[in-house]
Protein backbone atom coordinates (compact mmCIF):
# COMPACT_ATOMS: atom_id res chain seq x y z
CA MET A 1 0.09 0.01 -0.18
CA LYS A 2 1.33 3.03 -1.03
CA PHE A 3 1.22 6.56 0.00
CA ILE A 4 2.78 10.04 0.29
CA LYS A 5 4.36 11.71 2.43
CA LEU A 6 4.64 15.62 2.84
CA TYR A 7 7.34 16.84 4.92
CA THR A 8 10.27 19.36 5.79
CA GLY A 9 13.44 19.02 3.69
CA GLU A 10 17.07 20.55 5.33
CA ASP A 11 16.54 23.51 2.59
CA ASN A 12 13.62 24.12 5.51
CA LYS A 13 11.22 23.88 2.13
CA SER A 14 8.17 20.56 1.82
CA HIS A 15 8.45 18.02 -0.19
CA PHE A 16 6.64 15.09 -1.43
CA MET A 17 8.08 11.43 -0.57
CA GLU A 18 6.59 8.06 -2.00
CA MET A 19 5.95 5.71 0.41
CA GLU A 20 5.05 2.34 0.95
CA THR A 21 3.53 -0.01 4.03
CA GLU A 22 4.55 -2.98 4.35
CA VAL A 23 2.19 -6.68 4.74
CA GLU A 24 2.33 -7.70 8.29
CA THR A 25 -0.22 -10.36 7.90
CA ILE A 26 -2.34 -11.77 5.09
CA GLN A 27 -5.81 -12.43 6.71
CA PRO A 28 -8.92 -13.35 4.33
CA LEU A 29 -10.34 -10.23 3.98
CA GLY A 30 -6.30 -9.10 2.56
CA ASN A 31 -2.80 -8.05 3.27
CA TYR A 32 -2.45 -6.05 6.55
CA SER A 33 -0.10 -3.48 7.27
CA LYS A 34 1.02 -3.15 11.04
CA LYS A 35 -1.03 -0.98 13.16
CA TYR A 36 -0.70 2.96 13.24
CA PRO A 37 -1.29 4.66 16.33
CA VAL A 38 -3.75 7.63 16.06
CA THR A 39 -4.56 10.57 18.00
CA GLY A 40 -8.26 11.58 16.39
CA MET A 41 -10.27 11.56 13.55
CA ILE A 42 -11.78 14.62 11.43
CA PHE A 43 -14.40 14.32 8.55
CA ARG A 44 -13.74 16.74 5.88
CA ASP A 45 -15.87 18.49 3.24
CA PHE A 46 -14.34 21.22 0.66
CA GLU A 47 -16.48 22.81 -1.93
CA LYS A 48 -14.73 23.89 -5.12
CA GLY A 49 -12.41 26.88 -5.43
CA LEU A 50 -10.92 27.48 -1.73
CA VAL A 51 -7.17 28.24 -1.44
CA PHE A 52 -5.61 27.96 1.87
CA ASP A 53 -2.31 30.12 1.01
CA TRP A 54 0.74 29.35 2.68
CA HIS A 55 0.88 27.08 5.37
CA THR A 56 2.05 24.02 7.44
CA ALA A 57 0.51 21.32 8.85
CA PRO A 58 -0.91 21.70 12.83
CA GLN A 59 0.03 18.44 13.34
CA PRO A 60 1.40 15.39 11.72
CA GLN A 61 -1.86 14.10 9.56
CA TYR A 62 -2.79 11.44 7.21
CA ILE A 63 -5.36 12.83 4.62
CA ILE A 64 -7.71 9.83 2.77
CA TYR A 65 -9.40 11.27 -0.08
CA LEU A 66 -12.72 10.05 -0.63
CA GLU A 67 -14.41 12.61 -3.25
CA GLY A 68 -13.01 15.43 -4.88
CA GLU A 69 -9.76 16.47 -6.19
CA VAL A 70 -7.21 18.60 -4.82
CA GLU A 71 -3.81 20.01 -5.70
CA VAL A 72 -0.55 20.64 -3.10
CA GLU A 73 2.24 22.54 -3.98
CA THR A 74 5.48 22.44 -1.96
CA SER A 75 7.44 25.53 -0.93
CA GLY A 76 10.01 23.02 -2.82
CA GLY A 77 7.94 23.44 -6.04
CA GLU A 78 6.25 20.23 -6.55
CA LYS A 79 2.24 20.28 -6.86
CA ARG A 80 0.48 16.69 -6.87
CA VAL A 81 -3.33 16.42 -7.12
CA PHE A 82 -4.89 14.47 -4.94
CA LYS A 83 -8.35 12.62 -5.92
CA ALA A 84 -10.18 9.76 -4.13
CA GLY A 85 -8.17 6.81 -3.01
CA ASP A 86 -5.12 8.27 -2.44
CA ILE A 87 -3.52 9.19 1.25
CA LEU A 88 -1.58 11.93 1.92
CA LEU A 89 0.64 12.11 5.30
CA ALA A 90 0.87 15.73 5.72
CA GLU A 91 4.56 15.95 8.25
CA ASP A 92 6.17 19.61 7.31
CA LEU A 93 5.51 21.51 10.54
CA ILE A 94 8.02 23.76 10.07
CA GLY A 95 9.10 25.87 7.23
CA LYS A 96 7.19 27.60 4.61
CA GLY A 97 5.28 24.71 4.16
CA HIS A 98 2.72 24.15 1.44
CA VAL A 99 -0.62 25.61 -0.50
CA SER A 100 -3.66 23.57 -1.03
CA LYS A 101 -6.34 24.20 -3.57
CA THR A 102 -9.71 22.35 -4.06
CA LEU A 103 -10.03 21.90 -7.81
CA THR A 104 -13.65 19.82 -7.09
CA SER A 105 -16.07 19.68 -4.53
CA GLY A 106 -15.08 16.46 -2.41
CA ARG A 107 -15.00 15.23 1.40
CA SER A 108 -11.98 13.60 2.94
CA ILE A 109 -10.81 11.89 6.03
CA ILE A 110 -8.16 13.77 8.56
CA VAL A 111 -6.51 11.10 10.98
CA THR A 112 -3.93 12.97 13.35
CA VAL A 113 -0.90 10.95 14.82
């Protein structure tokens, strides 16, 4: 299972990194990773055309996209569009951060760690 990590590099700018979880057990209903500890879960609806200018993640958090599309631009100059089924681990807690733009209306789940 893959997800994208958004982190602050040594240059104090945000960057993307592809990550992959390892399978810990195989069960009748699928392959399972290890259990990750979490502190909370937030449900979010968003409308098309919203822009959250330069900011850092408020805490380490997974964003699991259920519907819609969101473009994230890093201060390192990269852009990615996240859509249904994508998972973003936002850990850029310092530095200039990133910009988030909602390209369509949608829904996501934010899981804080």
